[in-house]
PDB file of N, CA and C in Angstrom:
ATOM      1  N   MET A   1       0.847  -1.181   0.000  1.00  0.00           N
ATOM      2  CA  MET A   1       0.000   0.000   0.000  1.00  0.00           C
ATOM      3  C   MET A   1       0.887   1.238   0.000  1.00  0.00           C
ATOM      4  N   LYS A   2       0.574   2.188  -0.825  1.00  0.00           N
ATOM      5  CA  LYS A   2       1.335   3.425  -0.906  1.00  0.00           C
ATOM      6  C   LYS A   2       0.906   4.386   0.192  1.00  0.00           C
ATOM      7  N   LEU A   3       1.857   5.222   0.618  1.00  0.00           N
ATOM      8  CA  LEU A   3       1.524   6.252   1.599  1.00  0.00           C
ATOM      9  C   LEU A   3       0.392   7.127   1.068  1.00  0.00           C
ATOM     10  N   GLY A   4      -0.558   7.444   1.931  1.00  0.00           N
ATOM     11  CA  GLY A   4      -1.642   8.327   1.543  1.00  0.00           C
ATOM     12  C   GLY A   4      -2.869   7.595   1.021  1.00  0.00           C
ATOM     13  N   HIS A   5      -2.717   6.313   0.747  1.00  0.00           N
ATOM     14  CA  HIS A   5      -3.834   5.549   0.206  1.00  0.00           C
ATOM     15  C   HIS A   5      -4.496   4.760   1.324  1.00  0.00           C
ATOM     16  N   ALA A   6      -5.742   5.058   1.592  1.00  0.00           N
ATOM     17  CA  ALA A   6      -6.557   4.349   2.580  1.00  0.00           C
ATOM     18  C   ALA A   6      -6.019   4.463   4.005  1.00  0.00           C
ATOM     19  N   TYR A   7      -5.296   5.497   4.300  1.00  0.00           N
ATOM     20  CA  TYR A   7      -4.852   5.732   5.665  1.00  0.00           C
ATOM     21  C   TYR A   7      -5.947   6.479   6.407  1.00  0.00           C
ATOM     22  N   PRO A   8      -6.229   6.091   7.662  1.00  0.00           N
ATOM     23  CA  PRO A   8      -7.239   6.823   8.437  1.00  0.00           C
ATOM     24  C   PRO A   8      -6.717   8.203   8.853  1.00  0.00           C
ATOM     25  N   THR A   9      -7.637   9.094   9.143  1.00  0.00           N
ATOM     26  CA  THR A   9      -7.265  10.415   9.636  1.00  0.00           C
ATOM     27  C   THR A   9      -6.996  10.343  11.141  1.00  0.00           C
ATOM     28  N   VAL A  10      -6.076  11.171  11.586  1.00  0.00           N
ATOM     29  CA  VAL A  10      -5.674  11.195  12.990  1.00  0.00           C
ATOM     30  C   VAL A  10      -5.757  12.624  13.501  1.00  0.00           C
ATOM     31  N   SER A  11      -6.413  12.815  14.616  1.00  0.00           N
ATOM     32  CA  SER A  11      -6.447  14.108  15.290  1.00  0.00           C
ATOM     33  C   SER A  11      -5.470  14.054  16.457  1.00  0.00           C
ATOM     34  N   VAL A  12      -4.464  14.918  16.413  1.00  0.00           N
ATOM     35  CA  VAL A  12      -3.488  15.030  17.491  1.00  0.00           C
ATOM     36  C   VAL A  12      -3.913  16.216  18.341  1.00  0.00           C
ATOM     37  N   ILE A  13      -4.184  15.959  19.601  1.00  0.00           N
ATOM     38  CA  ILE A  13      -4.707  16.992  20.494  1.00  0.00           C
ATOM     39  C   ILE A  13      -3.651  17.314  21.545  1.00  0.00           C
ATOM     40  N   VAL A  14      -3.309  18.603  21.634  1.00  0.00           N
ATOM     41  CA  VAL A  14      -2.268  19.042  22.556  1.00  0.00           C
ATOM     42  C   VAL A  14      -2.808  20.188  23.404  1.00  0.00           C
ATOM     43  N   ALA A  15      -2.769  20.013  24.722  1.00  0.00           N
ATOM     44  CA  ALA A  15      -3.133  21.089  25.642  1.00  0.00           C
ATOM     45  C   ALA A  15      -1.880  21.913  25.928  1.00  0.00           C
ATOM     46  N   THR A  16      -2.027  23.232  25.875  1.00  0.00           N
ATOM     47  CA  THR A  16      -0.880  24.097  26.127  1.00  0.00           C
ATOM     48  C   THR A  16      -1.223  25.212  27.096  1.00  0.00           C
ATOM     49  N   PHE A  17      -0.194  25.664  27.764  1.00  0.00           N
ATOM     50  CA  PHE A  17      -0.250  26.882  28.580  1.00  0.00           C
ATOM     51  C   PHE A  17       1.194  27.311  28.819  1.00  0.00           C
ATOM     52  N   ASN A  18       1.581  28.414  28.201  1.00  0.00           N
ATOM     53  CA  ASN A  18       2.956  28.911  28.296  1.00  0.00           C
ATOM     54  C   ASN A  18       3.964  27.797  28.001  1.00  0.00           C
ATOM     55  N   SER A  19       3.812  27.200  26.841  1.00  0.00           N
ATOM     56  CA  SER A  19       4.599  26.031  26.446  1.00  0.00           C
ATOM     57  C   SER A  19       5.690  26.341  25.431  1.00  0.00           C
ATOM     58  N   GLU A  20       6.101  27.583  25.325  1.00  0.00           N
ATOM     59  CA  GLU A  20       7.051  27.963  24.276  1.00  0.00           C
ATOM     60  C   GLU A  20       8.371  27.191  24.338  1.00  0.00           C
ATOM     61  N   ARG A  21       8.775  26.727  25.502  1.00  0.00           N
ATOM     62  CA  ARG A  21      10.053  26.014  25.616  1.00  0.00           C
ATOM     63  C   ARG A  21       9.999  24.612  25.008  1.00  0.00           C
ATOM     64  N   THR A  22       8.817  24.032  24.895  1.00  0.00           N
ATOM     65  CA  THR A  22       8.720  22.629  24.478  1.00  0.00           C
ATOM     66  C   THR A  22       7.880  22.379  23.225  1.00  0.00           C
ATOM     67  N   ILE A  23       6.976  23.271  22.902  1.00  0.00           N
ATOM     68  CA  ILE A  23       5.972  22.973  21.880  1.00  0.00           C
ATOM     69  C   ILE A  23       6.554  22.844  20.473  1.00  0.00           C
ATOM     70  N   LYS A  24       7.576  23.589  20.151  1.00  0.00           N
ATOM     71  CA  LYS A  24       8.125  23.519  18.799  1.00  0.00           C
ATOM     72  C   LYS A  24       8.686  22.134  18.497  1.00  0.00           C
ATOM     73  N   ARG A  25       9.462  21.581  19.391  1.00  0.00           N
ATOM     74  CA  ARG A  25      10.011  20.229  19.179  1.00  0.00           C
ATOM     75  C   ARG A  25       8.904  19.187  19.127  1.00  0.00           C
ATOM     76  N   CYS A  26       7.885  19.362  19.942  1.00  0.00           N
ATOM     77  CA  CYS A  26       6.741  18.452  19.952  1.00  0.00           C
ATOM     78  C   CYS A  26       6.064  18.436  18.580  1.00  0.00           C
ATOM     79  N   LEU A  27       5.769  19.624  18.052  1.00  0.00           N
ATOM     80  CA  LEU A  27       5.068  19.717  16.771  1.00  0.00           C
ATOM     81  C   LEU A  27       5.960  19.338  15.596  1.00  0.00           C
ATOM     82  N   GLN A  28       7.244  19.635  15.684  1.00  0.00           N
ATOM     83  CA  GLN A  28       8.173  19.202  14.633  1.00  0.00           C
ATOM     84  C   GLN A  28       8.165  17.676  14.522  1.00  0.00           C
ATOM     85  N   ALA A  29       8.110  17.010  15.657  1.00  0.00           N
ATOM     86  CA  ALA A  29       8.088  15.543  15.656  1.00  0.00           C
ATOM     87  C   ALA A  29       6.819  15.010  14.995  1.00  0.00           C
ATOM     88  N   VAL A  30       5.691  15.654  15.239  1.00  0.00           N
ATOM     89  CA  VAL A  30       4.447  15.223  14.597  1.00  0.00           C
ATOM     90  C   VAL A  30       4.534  15.443  13.092  1.00  0.00           C
ATOM     91  N   ARG A  31       4.998  16.601  12.690  1.00  0.00           N
ATOM     92  CA  ARG A  31       5.052  16.930  11.266  1.00  0.00           C
ATOM     93  C   ARG A  31       6.163  16.181  10.511  1.00  0.00           C
ATOM     94  N   SER A  32       7.087  15.559  11.217  1.00  0.00           N
ATOM     95  CA  SER A  32       8.147  14.809  10.535  1.00  0.00           C
ATOM     96  C   SER A  32       7.824  13.319  10.409  1.00  0.00           C
ATOM     97  N   GLN A  33       6.656  12.917  10.837  1.00  0.00           N
ATOM     98  CA  GLN A  33       6.263  11.513  10.722  1.00  0.00           C
ATOM     99  C   GLN A  33       6.138  11.095   9.260  1.00  0.00           C
ATOM    100  N   LYS A  34       6.346   9.829   9.004  1.00  0.00           N
ATOM    101  CA  LYS A  34       6.229   9.296   7.651  1.00  0.00           C
ATOM    102  C   LYS A  34       4.767   9.050   7.275  1.00  0.00           C
ATOM    103  N   TYR A  35       3.875   9.375   8.152  1.00  0.00           N
ATOM    104  CA  TYR A  35       2.441   9.267   7.908  1.00  0.00           C
ATOM    105  C   TYR A  35       2.017  10.440   7.023  1.00  0.00           C
ATOM    106  N   PRO A  36       1.085  10.252   6.110  1.00  0.00           N
ATOM    107  CA  PRO A  36       0.663  11.353   5.225  1.00  0.00           C
ATOM    108  C   PRO A  36       0.153  12.552   6.033  1.00  0.00           C
ATOM    109  N   GLN A  37       0.791  13.691   5.835  1.00  0.00           N
ATOM    110  CA  GLN A  37       0.456  14.868   6.623  1.00  0.00           C
ATOM    111  C   GLN A  37      -0.959  15.383   6.380  1.00  0.00           C
ATOM    112  N   ASP A  38      -1.511  15.115   5.214  1.00  0.00           N
ATOM    113  CA  ASP A  38      -2.885  15.545   4.966  1.00  0.00           C
ATOM    114  C   ASP A  38      -3.894  14.707   5.736  1.00  0.00           C
ATOM    115  N   LYS A  39      -3.418  13.664   6.396  1.00  0.00           N
ATOM    116  CA  LYS A  39      -4.278  12.816   7.230  1.00  0.00           C
ATOM    117  C   LYS A  39      -4.134  13.151   8.714  1.00  0.00           C
ATOM    118  N   ILE A  40      -3.266  14.136   9.028  1.00  0.00           N
ATOM    119  CA  ILE A  40      -3.022  14.513  10.420  1.00  0.00           C
ATOM    120  C   ILE A  40      -3.585  15.903  10.685  1.00  0.00           C
ATOM    121  N   GLU A  41      -4.487  15.970  11.649  1.00  0.00           N
ATOM    122  CA  GLU A  41      -5.050  17.235  12.128  1.00  0.00           C
ATOM    123  C   GLU A  41      -4.442  17.485  13.504  1.00  0.00           C
ATOM    124  N   ILE A  42      -3.834  18.646  13.685  1.00  0.00           N
ATOM    125  CA  ILE A  42      -3.302  19.005  15.001  1.00  0.00           C
ATOM    126  C   ILE A  42      -4.200  20.069  15.605  1.00  0.00           C
ATOM    127  N   ILE A  43      -4.699  19.781  16.798  1.00  0.00           N
ATOM    128  CA  ILE A  43      -5.550  20.721  17.516  1.00  0.00           C
ATOM    129  C   ILE A  43      -4.809  21.153  18.780  1.00  0.00           C
ATOM    130  N   ILE A  44      -4.554  22.439  18.873  1.00  0.00           N
ATOM    131  CA  ILE A  44      -3.925  23.012  20.062  1.00  0.00           C
ATOM    132  C   ILE A  44      -5.014  23.690  20.874  1.00  0.00           C
ATOM    133  N   VAL A  45      -5.136  23.312  22.138  1.00  0.00           N
ATOM    134  CA  VAL A  45      -6.117  23.940  23.020  1.00  0.00           C
ATOM    135  C   VAL A  45      -5.328  24.653  24.115  1.00  0.00           C
ATOM    136  N   ASP A  46      -5.360  25.967  24.071  1.00  0.00           N
ATOM    137  CA  ASP A  46      -4.511  26.781  24.929  1.00  0.00           C
ATOM    138  C   ASP A  46      -5.314  27.469  26.015  1.00  0.00           C
ATOM    139  N   GLY A  47      -4.731  27.519  27.183  1.00  0.00           N
ATOM    140  CA  GLY A  47      -5.394  28.106  28.335  1.00  0.00           C
ATOM    141  C   GLY A  47      -5.023  29.540  28.639  1.00  0.00           C
ATOM    142  N   GLY A  48      -4.648  30.295  27.614  1.00  0.00           N
ATOM    143  CA  GLY A  48      -4.355  31.708  27.825  1.00  0.00           C
ATOM    144  C   GLY A  48      -2.879  32.008  27.971  1.00  0.00           C
ATOM    145  N   SER A  49      -2.067  31.360  27.186  1.00  0.00           N
ATOM    146  CA  SER A  49      -0.620  31.580  27.237  1.00  0.00           C
ATOM    147  C   SER A  49      -0.282  33.049  27.053  1.00  0.00           C
ATOM    148  N   THR A  50       0.718  33.488  27.794  1.00  0.00           N
ATOM    149  CA  THR A  50       1.189  34.865  27.676  1.00  0.00           C
ATOM    150  C   THR A  50       2.592  34.919  27.072  1.00  0.00           C
ATOM    151  N   ASP A  51       3.097  33.780  26.658  1.00  0.00           N
ATOM    152  CA  ASP A  51       4.416  33.730  26.024  1.00  0.00           C
ATOM    153  C   ASP A  51       4.247  33.561  24.512  1.00  0.00           C
ATOM    154  N   ASN A  52       5.183  32.983  23.848  1.00  0.00           N
ATOM    155  CA  ASN A  52       5.193  32.869  22.393  1.00  0.00           C
ATOM    156  C   ASN A  52       4.569  31.554  21.882  1.00  0.00           C
ATOM    157  N   THR A  53       3.836  30.862  22.709  1.00  0.00           N
ATOM    158  CA  THR A  53       3.267  29.564  22.336  1.00  0.00           C
ATOM    159  C   THR A  53       2.462  29.630  21.045  1.00  0.00           C
ATOM    160  N   LYS A  54       1.541  30.556  20.932  1.00  0.00           N
ATOM    161  CA  LYS A  54       0.681  30.621  19.755  1.00  0.00           C
ATOM    162  C   LYS A  54       1.493  30.840  18.482  1.00  0.00           C
ATOM    163  N   ASN A  55       2.423  31.773  18.494  1.00  0.00           N
ATOM    164  CA  ASN A  55       3.222  32.046  17.300  1.00  0.00           C
ATOM    165  C   ASN A  55       4.026  30.832  16.868  1.00  0.00           C
ATOM    166  N   LEU A  56       4.521  30.060  17.810  1.00  0.00           N
ATOM    167  CA  LEU A  56       5.263  28.851  17.472  1.00  0.00           C
ATOM    168  C   LEU A  56       4.330  27.791  16.882  1.00  0.00           C
ATOM    169  N   CYS A  57       3.137  27.679  17.420  1.00  0.00           N
ATOM    170  CA  CYS A  57       2.194  26.644  16.969  1.00  0.00           C
ATOM    171  C   CYS A  57       1.659  26.892  15.565  1.00  0.00           C
ATOM    172  N   ILE A  58       1.313  28.122  15.260  1.00  0.00           N
ATOM    173  CA  ILE A  58       0.646  28.368  13.984  1.00  0.00           C
ATOM    174  C   ILE A  58       1.541  28.094  12.780  1.00  0.00           C
ATOM    175  N   GLN A  59       2.841  27.980  13.000  1.00  0.00           N
ATOM    176  CA  GLN A  59       3.760  27.618  11.919  1.00  0.00           C
ATOM    177  C   GLN A  59       3.533  26.185  11.427  1.00  0.00           C
ATOM    178  N   PHE A  60       2.832  25.387  12.221  1.00  0.00           N
ATOM    179  CA  PHE A  60       2.680  23.965  11.938  1.00  0.00           C
ATOM    180  C   PHE A  60       1.287  23.584  11.432  1.00  0.00           C
ATOM    181  N   ASN A  61       0.573  24.562  10.891  1.00  0.00           N
ATOM    182  CA  ASN A  61      -0.749  24.299  10.333  1.00  0.00           C
ATOM    183  C   ASN A  61      -1.658  23.597  11.348  1.00  0.00           C
ATOM    184  N   VAL A  62      -1.914  24.270  12.445  1.00  0.00           N
ATOM    185  CA  VAL A  62      -2.726  23.709  13.515  1.00  0.00           C
ATOM    186  C   VAL A  62      -4.068  24.427  13.590  1.00  0.00           C
ATOM    187  N   THR A  63      -5.000  23.789  14.248  1.00  0.00           N
ATOM    188  CA  THR A  63      -6.236  24.448  14.649  1.00  0.00           C
ATOM    189  C   THR A  63      -5.999  24.959  16.059  1.00  0.00           C
ATOM    190  N   TRP A  64      -6.162  26.251  16.266  1.00  0.00           N
ATOM    191  CA  TRP A  64      -5.904  26.893  17.564  1.00  0.00           C
ATOM    192  C   TRP A  64      -7.227  27.160  18.257  1.00  0.00           C
ATOM    193  N   ILE A  65      -7.359  26.652  19.473  1.00  0.00           N
ATOM    194  CA  ILE A  65      -8.561  26.892  20.273  1.00  0.00           C
ATOM    195  C   ILE A  65      -8.127  27.525  21.589  1.00  0.00           C
ATOM    196  N   GLN A  66      -8.698  28.669  21.881  1.00  0.00           N
ATOM    197  CA  GLN A  66      -8.397  29.370  23.128  1.00  0.00           C
ATOM    198  C   GLN A  66      -9.516  29.096  24.122  1.00  0.00           C
ATOM    199  N   VAL A  67      -9.161  28.666  25.323  1.00  0.00           N
ATOM    200  CA  VAL A  67     -10.173  28.455  26.360  1.00  0.00           C
ATOM    201  C   VAL A  67     -10.002  29.524  27.444  1.00  0.00           C
ATOM    202  N   ASP A  68     -11.049  29.712  28.194  1.00  0.00           N
ATOM    203  CA  ASP A  68     -11.046  30.670  29.294  1.00  0.00           C
ATOM    204  C   ASP A  68      -9.958  30.297  30.296  1.00  0.00           C
ATOM    205  N   LYS A  69      -9.117  31.245  30.623  1.00  0.00           N
ATOM    206  CA  LYS A  69      -7.998  30.993  31.535  1.00  0.00           C
ATOM    207  C   LYS A  69      -8.478  30.478  32.893  1.00  0.00           C
ATOM    208  N   LYS A  70      -9.655  30.877  33.313  1.00  0.00           N
ATOM    209  CA  LYS A  70     -10.185  30.436  34.611  1.00  0.00           C
ATOM    210  C   LYS A  70     -10.587  28.960  34.594  1.00  0.00           C
ATOM    211  N   LYS A  71     -10.925  28.433  33.424  1.00  0.00           N
ATOM    212  CA  LYS A  71     -11.362  27.036  33.319  1.00  0.00           C
ATOM    213  C   LYS A  71     -10.227  26.095  32.939  1.00  0.00           C
ATOM    214  N   GLN A  72      -9.191  26.618  32.367  1.00  0.00           N
ATOM    215  CA  GLN A  72      -8.165  25.802  31.748  1.00  0.00           C
ATOM    216  C   GLN A  72      -7.411  24.918  32.738  1.00  0.00           C
ATOM    217  N   ASN A  73      -7.185  23.710  32.329  1.00  0.00           N
ATOM    218  CA  ASN A  73      -6.215  22.786  32.909  1.00  0.00           C
ATOM    219  C   ASN A  73      -6.000  21.720  31.847  1.00  0.00           C
ATOM    220  N   ALA A  74      -4.989  20.928  31.974  1.00  0.00           N
ATOM    221  CA  ALA A  74      -4.614  20.000  30.899  1.00  0.00           C
ATOM    222  C   ALA A  74      -5.774  19.087  30.500  1.00  0.00           C
ATOM    223  N   GLU A  75      -6.461  18.517  31.441  1.00  0.00           N
ATOM    224  CA  GLU A  75      -7.528  17.571  31.108  1.00  0.00           C
ATOM    225  C   GLU A  75      -8.739  18.272  30.500  1.00  0.00           C
ATOM    226  N   TYR A  76      -9.096  19.419  31.018  1.00  0.00           N
ATOM    227  CA  TYR A  76     -10.203  20.195  30.441  1.00  0.00           C
ATOM    228  C   TYR A  76      -9.871  20.563  28.997  1.00  0.00           C
ATOM    229  N   ASN A  77      -8.653  21.061  28.779  1.00  0.00           N
ATOM    230  CA  ASN A  77      -8.238  21.461  27.436  1.00  0.00           C
ATOM    231  C   ASN A  77      -8.277  20.274  26.473  1.00  0.00           C
ATOM    232  N   LYS A  78      -7.800  19.127  26.915  1.00  0.00           N
ATOM    233  CA  LYS A  78      -7.837  17.936  26.061  1.00  0.00           C
ATOM    234  C   LYS A  78      -9.286  17.565  25.713  1.00  0.00           C
ATOM    235  N   GLY A  79     -10.173  17.686  26.693  1.00  0.00           N
ATOM    236  CA  GLY A  79     -11.586  17.386  26.445  1.00  0.00           C
ATOM    237  C   GLY A  79     -12.182  18.295  25.385  1.00  0.00           C
ATOM    238  N   ILE A  80     -11.829  19.559  25.417  1.00  0.00           N
ATOM    239  CA  ILE A  80     -12.291  20.503  24.389  1.00  0.00           C
ATOM    240  C   ILE A  80     -11.760  20.071  23.032  1.00  0.00           C
ATOM    241  N   GLY A  81     -10.495  19.679  22.981  1.00  0.00           N
ATOM    242  CA  GLY A  81      -9.894  19.218  21.734  1.00  0.00           C
ATOM    243  C   GLY A  81     -10.568  17.970  21.192  1.00  0.00           C
ATOM    244  N   VAL A  82     -10.875  17.040  22.053  1.00  0.00           N
ATOM    245  CA  VAL A  82     -11.567  15.814  21.632  1.00  0.00           C
ATOM    246  C   VAL A  82     -12.924  16.158  21.029  1.00  0.00           C
ATOM    247  N   ALA A  83     -13.632  17.083  21.642  1.00  0.00           N
ATOM    248  CA  ALA A  83     -14.953  17.479  21.136  1.00  0.00           C
ATOM    249  C   ALA A  83     -14.863  18.120  19.750  1.00  0.00           C
ATOM    250  N   LYS A  84     -13.757  18.779  19.438  1.00  0.00           N
ATOM    251  CA  LYS A  84     -13.588  19.456  18.147  1.00  0.00           C
ATOM    252  C   LYS A  84     -12.920  18.577  17.091  1.00  0.00           C
ATOM    253  N   ALA A  85     -12.377  17.452  17.488  1.00  0.00           N
ATOM    254  CA  ALA A  85     -11.612  16.602  16.573  1.00  0.00           C
ATOM    255  C   ALA A  85     -12.493  15.995  15.484  1.00  0.00           C
ATOM    256  N   THR A  86     -11.908  15.849  14.302  1.00  0.00           N
ATOM    257  CA  THR A  86     -12.622  15.251  13.176  1.00  0.00           C
ATOM    258  C   THR A  86     -11.978  13.953  12.697  1.00  0.00           C
ATOM    259  N   GLY A  87     -10.826  13.591  13.261  1.00  0.00           N
ATOM    260  CA  GLY A  87     -10.117  12.402  12.828  1.00  0.00           C
ATOM    261  C   GLY A  87     -10.800  11.112  13.231  1.00  0.00           C
ATOM    262  N   GLU A  88     -10.461  10.058  12.505  1.00  0.00           N
ATOM    263  CA  GLU A  88     -10.984   8.731  12.840  1.00  0.00           C
ATOM    264  C   GLU A  88     -10.331   8.187  14.101  1.00  0.00           C
ATOM    265  N   PHE A  89      -9.098   8.615  14.359  1.00  0.00           N
ATOM    266  CA  PHE A  89      -8.372   8.239  15.564  1.00  0.00           C
ATOM    267  C   PHE A  89      -7.957   9.495  16.302  1.00  0.00           C
ATOM    268  N   LEU A  90      -7.887   9.384  17.641  1.00  0.00           N
ATOM    269  CA  LEU A  90      -7.447  10.491  18.482  1.00  0.00           C
ATOM    270  C   LEU A  90      -6.102  10.147  19.093  1.00  0.00           C
ATOM    271  N   PHE A  91      -5.232  11.123  19.153  1.00  0.00           N
ATOM    272  CA  PHE A  91      -3.934  10.964  19.785  1.00  0.00           C
ATOM    273  C   PHE A  91      -3.751  12.143  20.725  1.00  0.00           C
ATOM    274  N   LEU A  92      -3.790  11.888  22.028  1.00  0.00           N
ATOM    275  CA  LEU A  92      -3.601  12.939  23.024  1.00  0.00           C
ATOM    276  C   LEU A  92      -2.117  13.018  23.334  1.00  0.00           C
ATOM    277  N   LEU A  93      -1.527  14.161  23.043  1.00  0.00           N
ATOM    278  CA  LEU A  93      -0.084  14.340  23.162  1.00  0.00           C
ATOM    279  C   LEU A  93       0.204  15.508  24.090  1.00  0.00           C
ATOM    280  N   ASP A  94       1.082  15.295  25.048  1.00  0.00           N
ATOM    281  CA  ASP A  94       1.468  16.390  25.934  1.00  0.00           C
ATOM    282  C   ASP A  94       2.463  17.308  25.228  1.00  0.00           C
ATOM    283  N   HIS A  95       2.397  18.580  25.539  1.00  0.00           N
ATOM    284  CA  HIS A  95       3.210  19.590  24.856  1.00  0.00           C
ATOM    285  C   HIS A  95       4.709  19.369  25.029  1.00  0.00           C
ATOM    286  N   ASP A  96       5.106  18.605  26.022  1.00  0.00           N
ATOM    287  CA  ASP A  96       6.528  18.387  26.262  1.00  0.00           C
ATOM    288  C   ASP A  96       6.976  16.982  25.855  1.00  0.00           C
ATOM    289  N   ASN A  97       6.152  16.292  25.087  1.00  0.00           N
ATOM    290  CA  ASN A  97       6.514  14.965  24.575  1.00  0.00           C
ATOM    291  C   ASN A  97       6.964  15.060  23.140  1.00  0.00           C
ATOM    292  N   ILE A  98       7.922  14.239  22.806  1.00  0.00           N
ATOM    293  CA  ILE A  98       8.429  14.181  21.429  1.00  0.00           C
ATOM    294  C   ILE A  98       8.294  12.745  20.970  1.00  0.00           C
ATOM    295  N   ILE A  99       7.442  12.530  19.978  1.00  0.00           N
ATOM    296  CA  ILE A  99       7.213  11.167  19.508  1.00  0.00           C
ATOM    297  C   ILE A  99       8.332  10.759  18.543  1.00  0.00           C
ATOM    298  N   PRO A 100       8.696   9.463  18.569  1.00  0.00           N
ATOM    299  CA  PRO A 100       9.739   8.997  17.650  1.00  0.00           C
ATOM    300  C   PRO A 100       9.200   8.823  16.237  1.00  0.00           C
ATOM    301  N   HIS A 101      10.086   8.617  15.304  1.00  0.00           N
ATOM    302  CA  HIS A 101       9.684   8.378  13.923  1.00  0.00           C
ATOM    303  C   HIS A 101       9.011   7.043  13.836  1.00  0.00           C
TER     304      HIS A 101
END
């Protein structure tokens, strides 16, 4: 089977809050996978970052969702991302994790 043919879609959901130190490497790892990139949806759910998190994320063709800072926490943010996901599979990834090839 060739890459891109009959591959399911995957929604990668990442909760962030002031994650500028780690998020770029995390997203680079997702975008460097040998999986067809048009089958990967990245959803960033941010709890009101005041650093450069958003600017770093938007370079990676992500869906950006801002949640109320008073409600935000990692699990709440992930839940919002799951509700917005369109992929056939969900992958919950922490902002400071780097997945291997």
